[in-house]
C-alpha atoms as a PDB file:
ATOM      1  CA  MET A   1      -0.319  -0.299  -0.608  1.00  0.00           C
ATOM      2  CA  THR A   2       1.339   3.072  -0.213  1.00  0.00           C
ATOM      3  CA  ALA A   3       0.537   5.657   1.920  1.00  0.00           C
ATOM      4  CA  PRO A   4      -1.277   9.072   0.259  1.00  0.00           C
ATOM      5  CA  SER A   5       1.043  12.068   0.227  1.00  0.00           C
ATOM      6  CA  ILE A   6       0.907  14.798   3.387  1.00  0.00           C
ATOM      7  CA  THR A   7       1.258  18.574   3.701  1.00  0.00           C
ATOM      8  CA  LEU A   8       3.320  19.496   7.376  1.00  0.00           C
ATOM      9  CA  THR A   9       3.184  22.711   8.696  1.00  0.00           C
ATOM     10  CA  ARG A  10       6.559  24.634   9.678  1.00  0.00           C
ATOM     11  CA  LEU A  11       5.815  24.904  12.758  1.00  0.00           C
ATOM     12  CA  ASP A  12       4.181  21.648  13.769  1.00  0.00           C
ATOM     13  CA  VAL A  13       7.485  19.901  12.129  1.00  0.00           C
ATOM     14  CA  GLN A  14       9.480  21.375  14.167  1.00  0.00           C
ATOM     15  CA  ARG A  15       7.769  21.281  17.576  1.00  0.00           C
ATOM     16  CA  LEU A  16       7.101  17.301  16.557  1.00  0.00           C
ATOM     17  CA  GLU A  17      11.001  17.206  16.107  1.00  0.00           C
ATOM     18  CA  ARG A  18      12.365  18.592  19.418  1.00  0.00           C
ATOM     19  CA  LEU A  19       9.771  15.673  21.291  1.00  0.00           C
ATOM     20  CA  ILE A  20      11.434  12.500  18.327  1.00  0.00           C
ATOM     21  CA  ASP A  21      15.134  14.158  20.053  1.00  0.00           C
ATOM     22  CA  SER A  22      13.048  13.923  23.590  1.00  0.00           C
ATOM     23  CA  LEU A  23      12.434  10.816  23.330  1.00  0.00           C
ATOM     24  CA  ASP A  24      13.892   7.020  23.171  1.00  0.00           C
ATOM     25  CA  GLU A  25      14.220   7.066  19.298  1.00  0.00           C
ATOM     26  CA  THR A  26      13.578   3.339  19.541  1.00  0.00           C
ATOM     27  CA  LEU A  27       9.873   3.132  20.574  1.00  0.00           C
ATOM     28  CA  PRO A  28       7.538   2.015  17.777  1.00  0.00           C
ATOM     29  CA  GLY A  29       5.608   5.454  18.184  1.00  0.00           C
ATOM     30  CA  VAL A  30       7.844   7.541  17.433  1.00  0.00           C
ATOM     31  CA  ILE A  31      10.178   5.805  15.081  1.00  0.00           C
ATOM     32  CA  ALA A  32       6.267   5.669  13.028  1.00  0.00           C
ATOM     33  CA  LEU A  33       6.125   9.347  13.548  1.00  0.00           C
ATOM     34  CA  GLN A  34       9.867   9.784  12.423  1.00  0.00           C
ATOM     35  CA  THR A  35       9.256   8.566   9.138  1.00  0.00           C
ATOM     36  CA  GLU A  36       6.193   9.987   8.526  1.00  0.00           C
ATOM     37  CA  LEU A  37       8.251  13.574   8.965  1.00  0.00           C
ATOM     38  CA  ASP A  38      10.058  12.187   6.365  1.00  0.00           C
ATOM     39  CA  ARG A  39       7.606  11.760   3.565  1.00  0.00           C
ATOM     40  CA  ALA A  40       5.993  15.015   3.683  1.00  0.00           C
ATOM     41  CA  GLU A  41       6.094  15.875   0.139  1.00  0.00           C
ATOM     42  CA  ASN A  42       4.743  20.275   1.068  1.00  0.00           C
ATOM     43  CA  VAL A  43       5.986  22.171   4.545  1.00  0.00           C
ATOM     44  CA  VAL A  44       4.316  25.031   4.458  1.00  0.00           C
ATOM     45  CA  GLY A  45       3.411  27.914   7.065  1.00  0.00           C
ATOM     46  CA  HIS A  46       1.090  27.561   8.854  1.00  0.00           C
ATOM     47  CA  GLU A  47      -0.887  30.856   6.392  1.00  0.00           C
ATOM     48  CA  GLU A  48      -0.588  28.900   3.637  1.00  0.00           C
ATOM     49  CA  VAL A  49      -1.935  25.301   4.716  1.00  0.00           C
ATOM     50  CA  PRO A  50      -4.986  24.275   3.390  1.00  0.00           C
ATOM     51  CA  ALA A  51      -8.054  23.993   6.250  1.00  0.00           C
ATOM     52  CA  ASP A  52      -8.807  20.843   4.513  1.00  0.00           C
ATOM     53  CA  VAL A  53      -5.145  19.429   5.639  1.00  0.00           C
ATOM     54  CA  VAL A  54      -4.725  17.921   8.935  1.00  0.00           C
ATOM     55  CA  THR A  55      -2.443  19.510  11.443  1.00  0.00           C
ATOM     56  CA  MET A  56      -1.633  19.405  14.740  1.00  0.00           C
ATOM     57  CA  ASN A  57      -4.891  20.084  17.926  1.00  0.00           C
ATOM     58  CA  SER A  58      -6.348  19.009  14.709  1.00  0.00           C
ATOM     59  CA  ARG A  59     -10.149  17.526  15.987  1.00  0.00           C
ATOM     60  CA  VAL A  60     -10.936  15.450  12.137  1.00  0.00           C
ATOM     61  CA  HIS A  61     -14.558  13.407  11.598  1.00  0.00           C
ATOM     62  CA  CYS A  62     -13.216  10.230  10.108  1.00  0.00           C
ATOM     63  CA  ARG A  63     -15.407   6.468   9.265  1.00  0.00           C
ATOM     64  CA  GLU A  64     -13.732   2.980   8.898  1.00  0.00           C
ATOM     65  CA  GLU A  65     -15.143   2.125   6.474  1.00  0.00           C
ATOM     66  CA  SER A  66     -15.296  -1.794   7.359  1.00  0.00           C
ATOM     67  CA  SER A  67     -18.098  -0.733  10.228  1.00  0.00           C
ATOM     68  CA  GLY A  68     -19.260   2.104   9.066  1.00  0.00           C
ATOM     69  CA  LYS A  69     -18.745   3.185  12.589  1.00  0.00           C
ATOM     70  CA  ASP A  70     -17.264   7.327  12.257  1.00  0.00           C
ATOM     71  CA  TYR A  71     -14.508   8.654  15.323  1.00  0.00           C
ATOM     72  CA  HIS A  72     -14.169  12.471  16.050  1.00  0.00           C
ATOM     73  CA  LEU A  73     -10.387  12.670  16.947  1.00  0.00           C
ATOM     74  CA  THR A  74      -8.428  15.710  18.208  1.00  0.00           C
ATOM     75  CA  LEU A  75      -5.166  14.780  17.058  1.00  0.00           C
ATOM     76  CA  VAL A  76      -2.852  16.369  20.036  1.00  0.00           C
ATOM     77  CA  TYR A  77       0.816  15.894  21.608  1.00  0.00           C
ATOM     78  CA  PRO A  78       0.761  13.211  23.856  1.00  0.00           C
ATOM     79  CA  GLN A  79       0.723  14.651  27.272  1.00  0.00           C
ATOM     80  CA  ASP A  80      -2.791  15.838  26.361  1.00  0.00           C
ATOM     81  CA  ALA A  81      -3.422  12.557  24.607  1.00  0.00           C
ATOM     82  CA  ASN A  82      -6.893  11.377  26.699  1.00  0.00           C
ATOM     83  CA  ALA A  83      -8.946   8.359  24.999  1.00  0.00           C
ATOM     84  CA  ASP A  84     -11.760   8.457  25.714  1.00  0.00           C
ATOM     85  CA  GLU A  85     -12.242  12.531  25.008  1.00  0.00           C
ATOM     86  CA  GLY A  86     -10.916  11.570  22.182  1.00  0.00           C
ATOM     87  CA  ARG A  87      -7.796  13.156  22.316  1.00  0.00           C
ATOM     88  CA  ILE A  88      -5.185  10.727  20.207  1.00  0.00           C
ATOM     89  CA  SER A  89      -1.528  11.763  21.204  1.00  0.00           C
ATOM     90  CA  ILE A  90       0.655  11.953  17.779  1.00  0.00           C
ATOM     91  CA  LEU A  91       2.646   8.710  18.739  1.00  0.00           C
ATOM     92  CA  ALA A  92       0.030   6.443  18.647  1.00  0.00           C
ATOM     93  CA  PRO A  93      -0.548   4.290  15.153  1.00  0.00           C
ATOM     94  CA  VAL A  94      -3.449   6.528  13.785  1.00  0.00           C
ATOM     95  CA  GLY A  95      -2.447   9.548  15.042  1.00  0.00           C
ATOM     96  CA  SER A  96       1.200   9.564  13.520  1.00  0.00           C
ATOM     97  CA  ALA A  97      -1.131   8.400   9.841  1.00  0.00           C
ATOM     98  CA  LEU A  98      -3.359  11.391  10.859  1.00  0.00           C
ATOM     99  CA  LEU A  99      -1.376  14.012  10.292  1.00  0.00           C
ATOM    100  CA  GLY A 100      -1.171  16.000   6.618  1.00  0.00           C
ATOM    101  CA  LEU A 101      -4.390  13.654   5.504  1.00  0.00           C
ATOM    102  CA  LYS A 102      -6.275  16.148   3.213  1.00  0.00           C
ATOM    103  CA  VAL A 103     -10.407  15.141   3.420  1.00  0.00           C
ATOM    104  CA  GLY A 104     -11.099  12.174   0.691  1.00  0.00           C
ATOM    105  CA  GLN A 105      -7.297  10.465   1.642  1.00  0.00           C
ATOM    106  CA  HIS A 106      -7.682   7.235   3.231  1.00  0.00           C
ATOM    107  CA  ILE A 107      -5.303   5.140   5.699  1.00  0.00           C
ATOM    108  CA  ASP A 108      -4.481   1.940   6.717  1.00  0.00           C
ATOM    109  CA  TRP A 109      -5.190   1.717  10.818  1.00  0.00           C
ATOM    110  CA  PRO A 110      -3.237  -1.168  12.218  1.00  0.00           C
ATOM    111  CA  ALA A 111      -6.044  -2.170  14.995  1.00  0.00           C
ATOM    112  CA  PRO A 112      -4.877  -4.471  17.388  1.00  0.00           C
ATOM    113  CA  GLY A 113      -5.061  -8.669  17.180  1.00  0.00           C
ATOM    114  CA  GLY A 114      -3.386  -8.057  13.820  1.00  0.00           C
ATOM    115  CA  LYS A 115      -6.551  -6.445  11.547  1.00  0.00           C
ATOM    116  CA  THR A 116      -5.944  -3.325   9.537  1.00  0.00           C
ATOM    117  CA  LEU A 117      -9.030  -0.987   9.325  1.00  0.00           C
ATOM    118  CA  LYS A 118      -9.449   1.394   6.714  1.00  0.00           C
ATOM    119  CA  LEU A 119     -10.110   5.109   8.036  1.00  0.00           C
ATOM    120  CA  THR A 120     -11.211   7.722   5.911  1.00  0.00           C
ATOM    121  CA  LEU A 121     -11.060  11.452   5.887  1.00  0.00           C
ATOM    122  CA  LEU A 122     -13.971  12.793   5.933  1.00  0.00           C
ATOM    123  CA  ALA A 123     -14.078  16.041   6.720  1.00  0.00           C
ATOM    124  CA  VAL A 124     -11.336  18.431   9.675  1.00  0.00           C
ATOM    125  CA  GLU A 125     -13.779  19.866  11.275  1.00  0.00           C
ATOM    126  CA  TYR A 126     -11.178  22.012  13.570  1.00  0.00           C
ATOM    127  CA  GLN A 127      -7.271  23.374  12.163  1.00  0.00           C
ATOM    128  CA  PRO A 128      -5.400  26.035  14.854  1.00  0.00           C
ATOM    129  CA  GLU A 129      -3.880  27.634  11.091  1.00  0.00           C
ATOM    130  CA  ALA A 130      -7.565  28.023   9.286  1.00  0.00           C
ATOM    131  CA  GLY A 131      -8.767  29.301  12.909  1.00  0.00           C
ATOM    132  CA  GLY A 132      -5.791  31.345  13.701  1.00  0.00           C
ATOM    133  CA  ASP A 133      -5.325  29.656  16.469  1.00  0.00           C
ATOM    134  CA  PHE A 134      -1.656  28.620  16.554  1.00  0.00           C
ATOM    135  CA  HIS A 135       1.216  29.316  19.419  1.00  0.00           C
ATOM    136  CA  LEU A 136       4.382  30.141  17.159  1.00  0.00           C
END
């Protein structure tokens, strides 16, 4: 499976590289995140990122294709993660896979038990950059 092309903001890349530098780089979540950063085709300023692209602290609506189940998730830094509130860490497999995705694209989500689920991004319900709510 080829992963979809992704767009990241320079600020997210800088902050995520600092996060990676502060962690054990052999952890699976860190390796997956570094892989995503390395494959970003477009790195843009926060004012240039399209509103339908997932950035850090974006709230997204996605659907698992086989069950039709909808998920509303917010992509957050590890210290802010709370699964009960749908706040997914960037270091979780689905977190790093969502980063940089554009509405209409889908990802394969490794689920517990060895299954792979297909998630389609239906909407970016909130994106800090589009809302002018980012911290430099």
